Amino acid sequence: MAQTSIITGQYVRIQQTAATVFQRLMAWVIDGFIISITTVILAAMTNTLSDVVSSDVMKVFAIAILLLEALYPFFMETLNNGQSVGKMAAGIRVVCLDGTKPSLSAFFIRWLTLPIDMFLGLAFIIFTKNSQRIGDLGAGTAVVRRSKSKEPEILKSLYYVSHNYQPTYPEANTLTMRQVATIEKVLNMEHNLRRDTYMARLSWKLSNILSLPVTADNEKFLITLYNDFQYYATKVV
């Protein structure tokens, strides 16, 4: 089973287990079934309306159905933390290689390359290092197994890429061990709306305590504070 070991831009080593081919095929089958059933139901509803609406309206309905089918993977993964219904059932999700949530553009790239991956994706998943299909390679993402624990370990341990590491926030030196433990606990939470809410609250609170500007990327801010604290805590004077 493929293991992904990555040192992020914030100098954190992350271990992730790539989804198996079976898990990905299972997700595709389930999603395909959902799309098919939805299409049949919508088509039946449209057929019922054919006697009371014009042919032009029927064409609009038909186009709308096709768009729903095509956009299902993109919208589901974007709005549901990297998981379609099939991926939820298979216990897998889409993440960036550094373990963070992919951006809208990354999800779009994965969706845009789906037609190519229908023919070549399986070969790339089998033979690439991180089990990435073409869309994953282009978007910088991977499909990994979702941890079954309530608090998956995202921050396994800290490694500095070079001895010239420069901290971003000198104020991190004033953090207490309790505050650092809270940061780590929140970052280790399972990726969902609850985690995002906690990160936003914690980032806002720490920004106020340390008199730092509020940033848009709460996760990056917390990881940077965590790393900077470790830098100061282990620095040899």
Protein backbone atom coordinates (compact mmCIF):
# COMPACT_ATOMS: atom_id res chain seq x y z
CA MET A 1 0.00 0.00 0.00
CA ALA A 2 1.53 3.29 -1.11
CA GLN A 3 2.74 5.61 1.63
CA THR A 4 3.22 9.31 0.98
CA SER A 5 5.84 11.05 3.10
CA ILE A 6 6.03 14.78 2.47
CA ILE A 7 7.77 17.73 4.07
CA THR A 8 5.46 20.69 3.57
CA GLY A 9 6.23 24.32 2.94
CA GLN A 10 5.74 24.79 6.69
CA TYR A 11 8.40 22.10 7.41
CA VAL A 12 5.99 19.50 8.75
CA ARG A 13 6.38 15.85 7.78
CA ILE A 14 3.08 14.20 6.93
CA GLN A 15 2.40 10.49 6.45
CA GLN A 16 -0.59 9.58 4.29
CA THR A 17 -1.80 6.25 2.97
CA ALA A 18 -2.91 6.32 -0.64
CA ALA A 19 -6.33 4.90 -1.47
CA THR A 20 -6.22 1.45 -3.03
CA VAL A 21 -7.32 0.81 -6.60
CA PHE A 22 -10.27 -1.17 -5.21
CA GLN A 23 -11.39 1.77 -3.04
CA ARG A 24 -11.23 4.17 -5.96
CA LEU A 25 -13.09 1.79 -8.26
CA MET A 26 -15.70 1.29 -5.55
CA ALA A 27 -16.15 5.06 -5.26
CA TRP A 28 -16.49 5.40 -9.05
CA VAL A 29 -19.10 2.61 -9.21
CA ILE A 30 -21.17 4.12 -6.38
CA ASP A 31 -21.01 7.62 -7.87
CA GLY A 32 -21.88 6.25 -11.29
CA PHE A 33 -24.88 4.44 -9.82
CA ILE A 34 -26.07 7.64 -8.09
CA ILE A 35 -25.70 9.64 -11.31
CA SER A 36 -27.56 6.97 -13.29
CA ILE A 37 -30.46 6.74 -10.83
CA THR A 38 -30.74 10.53 -10.64
CA THR A 39 -30.72 10.75 -14.42
CA VAL A 40 -33.49 8.16 -14.75
CA ILE A 41 -35.66 9.97 -12.19
CA LEU A 42 -35.13 13.38 -13.80
CA ALA A 43 -35.72 11.94 -17.28
CA ALA A 44 -38.99 10.39 -16.11
CA MET A 45 -40.08 13.71 -14.61
CA THR A 46 -39.13 15.49 -17.81
CA ASN A 47 -41.06 12.96 -19.90
CA THR A 48 -44.14 13.56 -17.76
CA LEU A 49 -43.88 17.28 -18.45
CA SER A 50 -43.45 16.78 -22.20
CA ASP A 51 -47.22 16.94 -22.76
CA VAL A 52 -47.59 20.34 -21.09
CA VAL A 53 -44.42 22.24 -22.05
CA SER A 54 -42.87 23.22 -25.37
CA SER A 55 -40.03 21.40 -27.09
CA ASP A 56 -37.67 24.30 -26.34
CA VAL A 57 -38.30 23.94 -22.63
CA MET A 58 -37.69 20.22 -22.93
CA LYS A 59 -34.32 20.91 -24.53
CA VAL A 60 -33.40 23.17 -21.59
CA PHE A 61 -34.35 20.38 -19.16
CA ALA A 62 -32.25 17.90 -21.11
CA ILE A 63 -29.22 20.20 -21.04
CA ALA A 64 -29.71 20.79 -17.31
CA ILE A 65 -29.70 17.04 -16.68
CA LEU A 66 -26.47 16.60 -18.66
CA LEU A 67 -24.83 19.44 -16.71
CA LEU A 68 -25.83 17.88 -13.40
CA GLU A 69 -24.26 14.60 -14.47
CA ALA A 70 -21.06 16.27 -15.63
CA LEU A 71 -20.63 18.63 -12.66
CA TYR A 72 -21.50 16.13 -9.92
CA PRO A 73 -17.86 15.17 -9.10
CA PHE A 74 -16.67 18.78 -9.07
CA PHE A 75 -19.42 20.16 -6.85
CA MET A 76 -19.48 17.21 -4.44
CA GLU A 77 -15.72 17.20 -3.84
CA THR A 78 -15.55 20.99 -3.60
CA LEU A 79 -18.43 21.36 -1.15
CA ASN A 80 -17.81 18.19 0.87
CA ASN A 81 -14.12 18.39 1.83
CA GLY A 82 -12.82 16.29 -1.06
CA GLN A 83 -15.44 13.57 -0.87
CA SER A 84 -18.21 12.51 -3.22
CA VAL A 85 -20.83 10.08 -1.92
CA GLY A 86 -18.79 7.24 -3.40
CA LYS A 87 -15.59 8.40 -1.71
CA MET A 88 -17.43 8.74 1.61
CA ALA A 89 -18.64 5.14 1.31
CA ALA A 90 -15.14 3.94 0.35
CA GLY A 91 -13.50 5.86 3.19
CA ILE A 92 -11.25 7.99 0.99
CA ARG A 93 -10.89 11.68 0.21
CA VAL A 94 -8.99 14.12 -2.01
CA VAL A 95 -6.25 16.16 -0.33
CA CYS A 96 -3.27 18.25 -1.38
CA LEU A 97 0.09 16.52 -1.12
CA ASP A 98 0.80 18.51 2.05
CA GLY A 99 -2.37 17.19 3.67
CA THR A 100 -4.41 20.38 3.37
CA LYS A 101 -7.73 20.91 1.61
CA PRO A 102 -7.36 21.45 -2.17
CA SER A 103 -8.24 24.82 -3.65
CA LEU A 104 -11.15 25.43 -6.00
CA SER A 105 -8.75 25.49 -8.95
CA ALA A 106 -7.28 22.11 -7.92
CA PHE A 107 -10.73 20.52 -7.81
CA PHE A 108 -11.48 22.12 -11.21
CA ILE A 109 -8.32 20.66 -12.76
CA ARG A 110 -9.23 17.19 -11.46
CA TRP A 111 -12.72 17.55 -12.92
CA LEU A 112 -11.46 18.92 -16.25
CA THR A 113 -9.19 15.92 -16.81
CA LEU A 114 -11.87 13.31 -16.05
CA PRO A 115 -12.49 12.44 -19.74
CA ILE A 116 -8.78 11.61 -20.18
CA ASP A 117 -8.59 9.72 -16.90
CA MET A 118 -11.49 7.51 -17.95
CA PHE A 119 -9.04 5.91 -20.39
CA LEU A 120 -5.62 6.41 -18.78
CA GLY A 121 -6.36 7.12 -15.12
CA LEU A 122 -6.15 3.51 -13.90
CA ALA A 123 -2.66 3.02 -15.36
CA PHE A 124 -1.40 6.22 -13.73
CA ILE A 125 -2.92 5.24 -10.37
CA ILE A 126 -1.14 1.88 -10.49
CA PHE A 127 2.28 3.11 -11.62
CA THR A 128 2.74 6.59 -10.10
CA LYS A 129 4.49 6.95 -6.75
CA ASN A 130 1.56 8.47 -4.89
CA SER A 131 -1.15 6.58 -6.83
CA GLN A 132 -2.18 9.74 -8.68
CA ARG A 133 -4.28 9.88 -11.81
CA ILE A 134 -3.56 12.55 -14.44
CA GLY A 135 -5.90 15.04 -12.75
CA ASP A 136 -4.11 14.54 -9.43
CA LEU A 137 -0.72 15.13 -11.02
CA GLY A 138 -1.94 18.34 -12.60
CA ALA A 139 -3.68 19.58 -9.46
CA GLY A 140 -1.02 18.53 -6.95
CA THR A 141 -3.50 16.30 -5.12
CA ALA A 142 -3.82 12.68 -4.07
CA VAL A 143 -6.65 10.42 -2.99
CA VAL A 144 -5.89 9.02 0.45
CA ARG A 145 -7.54 6.81 3.00
CA ARG A 146 -9.51 8.76 5.58
CA SER A 147 -8.37 7.97 9.08
CA LYS A 148 -10.92 6.08 11.16
CA SER A 149 -9.74 7.76 14.34
CA LYS A 150 -11.47 10.88 15.57
CA GLU A 151 -8.19 12.76 15.63
CA PRO A 152 -5.94 11.61 12.75
CA GLU A 153 -2.31 12.59 13.20
CA ILE A 154 -1.59 15.33 10.68
CA LEU A 155 1.44 16.67 12.51
CA LYS A 156 3.49 13.53 13.01
CA SER A 157 6.68 15.36 13.95
CA LEU A 158 8.70 18.42 13.07
CA TYR A 159 11.68 18.41 10.72
CA TYR A 160 13.60 21.45 9.57
CA VAL A 161 14.59 21.32 5.94
CA SER A 162 17.69 23.44 6.55
CA HIS A 163 19.57 25.07 9.41
CA ASN A 164 18.68 28.44 7.90
CA TYR A 165 15.02 28.20 8.82
CA GLN A 166 13.59 31.66 9.41
CA PRO A 167 10.54 31.94 11.69
CA THR A 168 7.65 34.06 10.46
CA TYR A 169 6.24 35.16 13.81
CA PRO A 170 8.70 36.06 16.61
CA GLU A 171 5.61 36.37 18.82
CA ALA A 172 5.33 32.57 18.75
CA ASN A 173 8.08 32.53 21.36
CA THR A 174 5.54 33.81 23.92
CA LEU A 175 3.04 31.00 23.39
CA THR A 176 2.36 28.75 26.35
CA MET A 177 2.55 24.97 26.19
CA ARG A 178 -1.21 24.85 26.67
CA GLN A 179 -1.78 27.14 23.68
CA VAL A 180 0.58 25.05 21.52
CA ALA A 181 -1.19 21.86 22.60
CA THR A 182 -4.50 23.43 21.57
CA ILE A 183 -3.08 24.35 18.16
CA GLU A 184 -1.88 20.79 17.61
CA LYS A 185 -5.17 19.30 18.77
CA VAL A 186 -7.18 21.45 16.35
CA LEU A 187 -4.85 20.70 13.43
CA ASN A 188 -5.12 16.98 14.21
CA MET A 189 -8.93 17.00 14.03
CA GLU A 190 -10.68 15.18 11.22
CA HIS A 191 -11.20 17.42 8.19
CA ASN A 192 -14.76 18.67 8.35
CA LEU A 193 -16.79 21.83 8.99
CA ARG A 194 -16.25 21.52 12.75
CA ARG A 195 -12.47 21.60 12.27
CA ASP A 196 -12.71 24.63 9.97
CA THR A 197 -14.82 26.45 12.57
CA TYR A 198 -12.37 25.68 15.38
CA MET A 199 -9.42 26.77 13.24
CA ALA A 200 -11.12 30.08 12.44
CA ARG A 201 -11.91 30.76 16.11
CA LEU A 202 -8.44 29.76 17.31
CA SER A 203 -6.71 31.82 14.60
CA TRP A 204 -8.77 34.87 15.50
CA LYS A 205 -8.08 34.44 19.22
CA LEU A 206 -4.32 33.94 18.79
CA SER A 207 -4.12 36.88 16.38
CA ASN A 208 -5.60 39.06 19.10
CA ILE A 209 -3.44 37.64 21.90
CA LEU A 210 -0.23 38.03 19.89
CA SER A 211 -1.30 41.28 18.15
CA LEU A 212 -0.87 39.70 14.72
CA PRO A 213 -2.86 40.48 11.56
CA VAL A 214 -5.67 38.06 10.78
CA THR A 215 -4.88 35.91 7.73
CA ALA A 216 -7.24 34.27 5.26
CA ASP A 217 -5.60 30.84 5.50
CA ASN A 218 -6.27 29.74 9.08
CA GLU A 219 -4.59 26.36 8.70
CA LYS A 220 -1.37 27.81 7.31
CA PHE A 221 -1.33 30.44 10.07
CA LEU A 222 -1.68 27.83 12.84
CA ILE A 223 0.93 25.50 11.34
CA THR A 224 3.37 28.39 10.98
CA LEU A 225 2.83 29.44 14.60
CA TYR A 226 3.34 25.83 15.69
CA ASN A 227 6.58 25.51 13.73
CA ASP A 228 7.88 28.89 14.89
CA PHE A 229 7.24 27.96 18.52
CA GLN A 230 9.18 24.71 18.02
CA TYR A 231 12.00 26.68 16.42
CA TYR A 232 12.33 29.01 19.41
CA ALA A 233 11.83 26.19 21.92
CA THR A 234 14.65 24.11 20.46
CA LYS A 235 16.97 26.93 19.43
CA VAL A 236 20.40 26.72 21.01
CA VAL A 237 21.44 30.12 22.34
